Amino acid sequence: MLFAMDAAGTPAPQIMKDFWREFPGDAEGRAYAEAIVLGVVSDRESVDARITRASEHWRLSRMTRVDRNVLRLATWELVHQASTPRAVILDEAVELAKRFGSEDSGAFVNGVLGRVADDCGRPAEPSPTA
């Protein structure tokens, strides 16, 4: 949905309506997805500012649309979803970037999100000991 809004400039309510018509998801997943989309839209300026600070030598406008929107999604989650572990957010974002982005997207997203997470006070969780 974020990708579609970025590509078409269509408002979130219309994008969500169109998306769910094509891909009806389960109720729980739908509510979570809509909360993230609306969260990113309402906080986009601060989300983009965090990404810009963390992405050395890369302007948002130079990033691929996939990378830019995966970063927006995960950055919003890092800031607003404290109950979701940092590692889960980063792993899911990297997997999305690898699946839908370029050959280098996974490493790029991982590097930027690591800096975003540190910047917003989400240090890496300690590894479990055996």
C-alpha atoms as a PDB file:
ATOM      1  CA  MET A   1       0.000   0.000   0.000  1.00  0.00           C
ATOM      2  CA  LEU A   2       2.850   2.409   0.822  1.00  0.00           C
ATOM      3  CA  PHE A   3       4.500   1.534  -2.485  1.00  0.00           C
ATOM      4  CA  ALA A   4       1.265   2.229  -4.365  1.00  0.00           C
ATOM      5  CA  MET A   5       0.750   5.563  -2.618  1.00  0.00           C
ATOM      6  CA  ASP A   6       4.332   6.543  -3.429  1.00  0.00           C
ATOM      7  CA  ALA A   7       3.939   5.505  -7.069  1.00  0.00           C
ATOM      8  CA  ALA A   8       0.507   6.948  -7.785  1.00  0.00           C
ATOM      9  CA  GLY A   9       0.120   9.701  -5.212  1.00  0.00           C
ATOM     10  CA  THR A  10      -3.314   8.314  -4.386  1.00  0.00           C
ATOM     11  CA  PRO A  11      -4.612   9.011  -0.857  1.00  0.00           C
ATOM     12  CA  ALA A  12      -4.382   6.248   1.747  1.00  0.00           C
ATOM     13  CA  PRO A  13      -8.143   5.530   2.061  1.00  0.00           C
ATOM     14  CA  GLN A  14      -8.468   4.844  -1.675  1.00  0.00           C
ATOM     15  CA  ILE A  15      -5.277   2.770  -1.800  1.00  0.00           C
ATOM     16  CA  MET A  16      -6.434   0.653   1.159  1.00  0.00           C
ATOM     17  CA  LYS A  17      -9.887   0.127  -0.386  1.00  0.00           C
ATOM     18  CA  ASP A  18      -8.351  -0.937  -3.701  1.00  0.00           C
ATOM     19  CA  PHE A  19      -5.743  -3.147  -2.014  1.00  0.00           C
ATOM     20  CA  TRP A  20      -8.237  -5.072   0.128  1.00  0.00           C
ATOM     21  CA  ARG A  21     -10.530  -5.556  -2.851  1.00  0.00           C
ATOM     22  CA  GLU A  22      -7.663  -7.299  -4.680  1.00  0.00           C
ATOM     23  CA  PHE A  23      -6.053  -9.018  -1.667  1.00  0.00           C
ATOM     24  CA  PRO A  24      -8.575  -9.671   1.094  1.00  0.00           C
ATOM     25  CA  GLY A  25      -6.521 -10.499   4.162  1.00  0.00           C
ATOM     26  CA  ASP A  26      -7.493 -11.837   7.537  1.00  0.00           C
ATOM     27  CA  ALA A  27      -9.120  -9.337   9.896  1.00  0.00           C
ATOM     28  CA  GLU A  28      -6.200  -9.226  12.352  1.00  0.00           C
ATOM     29  CA  GLY A  29      -3.604  -8.693   9.658  1.00  0.00           C
ATOM     30  CA  ARG A  30      -5.764  -6.134   7.916  1.00  0.00           C
ATOM     31  CA  ALA A  31      -6.162  -3.988  11.026  1.00  0.00           C
ATOM     32  CA  TYR A  32      -2.412  -4.089  11.708  1.00  0.00           C
ATOM     33  CA  ALA A  33      -1.531  -3.242   8.102  1.00  0.00           C
ATOM     34  CA  GLU A  34      -3.945  -0.310   8.044  1.00  0.00           C
ATOM     35  CA  ALA A  35      -2.572   0.989  11.350  1.00  0.00           C
ATOM     36  CA  ILE A  36       0.951   0.951   9.939  1.00  0.00           C
ATOM     37  CA  VAL A  37      -0.049   2.612   6.671  1.00  0.00           C
ATOM     38  CA  LEU A  38      -1.990   5.347   8.449  1.00  0.00           C
ATOM     39  CA  GLY A  39       0.844   5.730  10.970  1.00  0.00           C
ATOM     40  CA  VAL A  40       3.457   6.156   8.263  1.00  0.00           C
ATOM     41  CA  VAL A  41       1.232   8.620   6.404  1.00  0.00           C
ATOM     42  CA  SER A  42       0.589  10.730   9.504  1.00  0.00           C
ATOM     43  CA  ASP A  43       4.242  10.640  10.668  1.00  0.00           C
ATOM     44  CA  ARG A  44       5.862  10.649   7.246  1.00  0.00           C
ATOM     45  CA  GLU A  45       7.869  13.817   7.791  1.00  0.00           C
ATOM     46  CA  SER A  46       9.510  12.514  10.973  1.00  0.00           C
ATOM     47  CA  VAL A  47       9.905   8.989   9.536  1.00  0.00           C
ATOM     48  CA  ASP A  48      11.603  10.367   6.423  1.00  0.00           C
ATOM     49  CA  ALA A  49      13.825  12.591   8.572  1.00  0.00           C
ATOM     50  CA  ARG A  50      15.009   9.572  10.574  1.00  0.00           C
ATOM     51  CA  ILE A  51      15.732   7.631   7.399  1.00  0.00           C
ATOM     52  CA  THR A  52      17.583  10.581   5.880  1.00  0.00           C
ATOM     53  CA  ARG A  53      19.803  10.943   8.965  1.00  0.00           C
ATOM     54  CA  ALA A  54      20.582   7.226   8.920  1.00  0.00           C
ATOM     55  CA  SER A  55      21.216   6.817   5.196  1.00  0.00           C
ATOM     56  CA  GLU A  56      24.642   8.214   4.562  1.00  0.00           C
ATOM     57  CA  HIS A  57      25.063   9.631   1.058  1.00  0.00           C
ATOM     58  CA  TRP A  58      21.541   8.603  -0.013  1.00  0.00           C
ATOM     59  CA  ARG A  59      18.656  10.998  -0.512  1.00  0.00           C
ATOM     60  CA  LEU A  60      15.190   9.498  -0.240  1.00  0.00           C
ATOM     61  CA  SER A  61      14.505  10.498  -3.826  1.00  0.00           C
ATOM     62  CA  ARG A  62      17.476   8.386  -5.005  1.00  0.00           C
ATOM     63  CA  MET A  63      16.341   5.233  -3.217  1.00  0.00           C
ATOM     64  CA  THR A  64      14.285   2.692  -5.084  1.00  0.00           C
ATOM     65  CA  ARG A  65      10.582   2.889  -4.315  1.00  0.00           C
ATOM     66  CA  VAL A  66      10.728  -0.557  -2.666  1.00  0.00           C
ATOM     67  CA  ASP A  67      13.658   0.331  -0.414  1.00  0.00           C
ATOM     68  CA  ARG A  68      12.201   3.708   0.529  1.00  0.00           C
ATOM     69  CA  ASN A  69       8.850   2.253   1.557  1.00  0.00           C
ATOM     70  CA  VAL A  70      10.249  -0.771   3.357  1.00  0.00           C
ATOM     71  CA  LEU A  71      12.390   1.693   5.328  1.00  0.00           C
ATOM     72  CA  ARG A  72       9.328   3.825   6.094  1.00  0.00           C
ATOM     73  CA  LEU A  73       7.355   0.831   7.297  1.00  0.00           C
ATOM     74  CA  ALA A  74      10.122  -0.498   9.529  1.00  0.00           C
ATOM     75  CA  THR A  75      11.134   2.922  10.836  1.00  0.00           C
ATOM     76  CA  TRP A  76       7.566   3.617  11.918  1.00  0.00           C
ATOM     77  CA  GLU A  77       7.447   0.228  13.644  1.00  0.00           C
ATOM     78  CA  LEU A  78      10.767   0.845  15.422  1.00  0.00           C
ATOM     79  CA  VAL A  79       9.467   4.128  16.797  1.00  0.00           C
ATOM     80  CA  HIS A  80       5.877   3.142  17.589  1.00  0.00           C
ATOM     81  CA  GLN A  81       5.811  -0.622  18.213  1.00  0.00           C
ATOM     82  CA  ALA A  82       7.960  -1.025  21.299  1.00  0.00           C
ATOM     83  CA  SER A  83       6.503  -4.474  21.989  1.00  0.00           C
ATOM     84  CA  THR A  84       7.904  -5.811  18.710  1.00  0.00           C
ATOM     85  CA  PRO A  85      11.577  -6.737  19.096  1.00  0.00           C
ATOM     86  CA  ARG A  86      14.088  -4.802  17.015  1.00  0.00           C
ATOM     87  CA  ALA A  87      15.408  -8.017  15.475  1.00  0.00           C
ATOM     88  CA  VAL A  88      11.938  -9.018  14.266  1.00  0.00           C
ATOM     89  CA  ILE A  89      11.343  -5.642  12.625  1.00  0.00           C
ATOM     90  CA  LEU A  90      14.750  -5.628  10.934  1.00  0.00           C
ATOM     91  CA  ASP A  91      14.524  -9.265   9.805  1.00  0.00           C
ATOM     92  CA  GLU A  92      11.073  -8.776   8.271  1.00  0.00           C
ATOM     93  CA  ALA A  93      12.136  -5.565   6.535  1.00  0.00           C
ATOM     94  CA  VAL A  94      15.259  -7.195   5.106  1.00  0.00           C
ATOM     95  CA  GLU A  95      13.203 -10.136   3.828  1.00  0.00           C
ATOM     96  CA  LEU A  96      10.738  -7.760   2.135  1.00  0.00           C
ATOM     97  CA  ALA A  97      13.607  -5.831   0.580  1.00  0.00           C
ATOM     98  CA  LYS A  98      15.257  -9.022  -0.694  1.00  0.00           C
ATOM     99  CA  ARG A  99      11.988 -10.345  -2.098  1.00  0.00           C
ATOM    100  CA  PHE A 100      10.754  -7.204  -3.814  1.00  0.00           C
ATOM    101  CA  GLY A 101      13.842  -5.018  -4.190  1.00  0.00           C
ATOM    102  CA  SER A 102      17.130  -5.193  -6.014  1.00  0.00           C
ATOM    103  CA  GLU A 103      20.082  -7.497  -5.396  1.00  0.00           C
ATOM    104  CA  ASP A 104      21.539  -4.968  -2.934  1.00  0.00           C
ATOM    105  CA  SER A 105      18.291  -4.016  -1.189  1.00  0.00           C
ATOM    106  CA  GLY A 106      18.590  -6.413   1.752  1.00  0.00           C
ATOM    107  CA  ALA A 107      22.020  -5.164   2.803  1.00  0.00           C
ATOM    108  CA  PHE A 108      21.074  -1.526   2.218  1.00  0.00           C
ATOM    109  CA  VAL A 109      17.866  -1.758   4.267  1.00  0.00           C
ATOM    110  CA  ASN A 110      19.642  -3.654   7.036  1.00  0.00           C
ATOM    111  CA  GLY A 111      22.374  -1.025   7.318  1.00  0.00           C
ATOM    112  CA  VAL A 112      20.022   1.952   7.338  1.00  0.00           C
ATOM    113  CA  LEU A 113      17.584   0.354   9.779  1.00  0.00           C
ATOM    114  CA  GLY A 114      20.380  -0.585  12.159  1.00  0.00           C
ATOM    115  CA  ARG A 115      21.276   3.108  12.392  1.00  0.00           C
ATOM    116  CA  VAL A 116      17.598   4.137  12.673  1.00  0.00           C
ATOM    117  CA  ALA A 117      17.088   1.647  15.507  1.00  0.00           C
ATOM    118  CA  ASP A 118      20.133   2.900  17.376  1.00  0.00           C
ATOM    119  CA  ASP A 119      19.057   6.507  16.828  1.00  0.00           C
ATOM    120  CA  CYS A 120      15.592   5.922  18.260  1.00  0.00           C
ATOM    121  CA  GLY A 121      16.866   4.047  21.302  1.00  0.00           C
ATOM    122  CA  ARG A 122      16.221   0.490  20.158  1.00  0.00           C
ATOM    123  CA  PRO A 123      19.541  -1.241  20.832  1.00  0.00           C
ATOM    124  CA  ALA A 124      20.101  -4.788  19.663  1.00  0.00           C
ATOM    125  CA  GLU A 125      18.752  -7.351  22.064  1.00  0.00           C
ATOM    126  CA  PRO A 126      21.355  -9.546  23.703  1.00  0.00           C
ATOM    127  CA  SER A 127      21.714 -12.992  22.209  1.00  0.00           C
ATOM    128  CA  PRO A 128      20.280 -15.782  24.319  1.00  0.00           C
ATOM    129  CA  THR A 129      22.962 -17.762  26.114  1.00  0.00           C
ATOM    130  CA  ALA A 130      23.097 -21.517  25.880  1.00  0.00           C
END
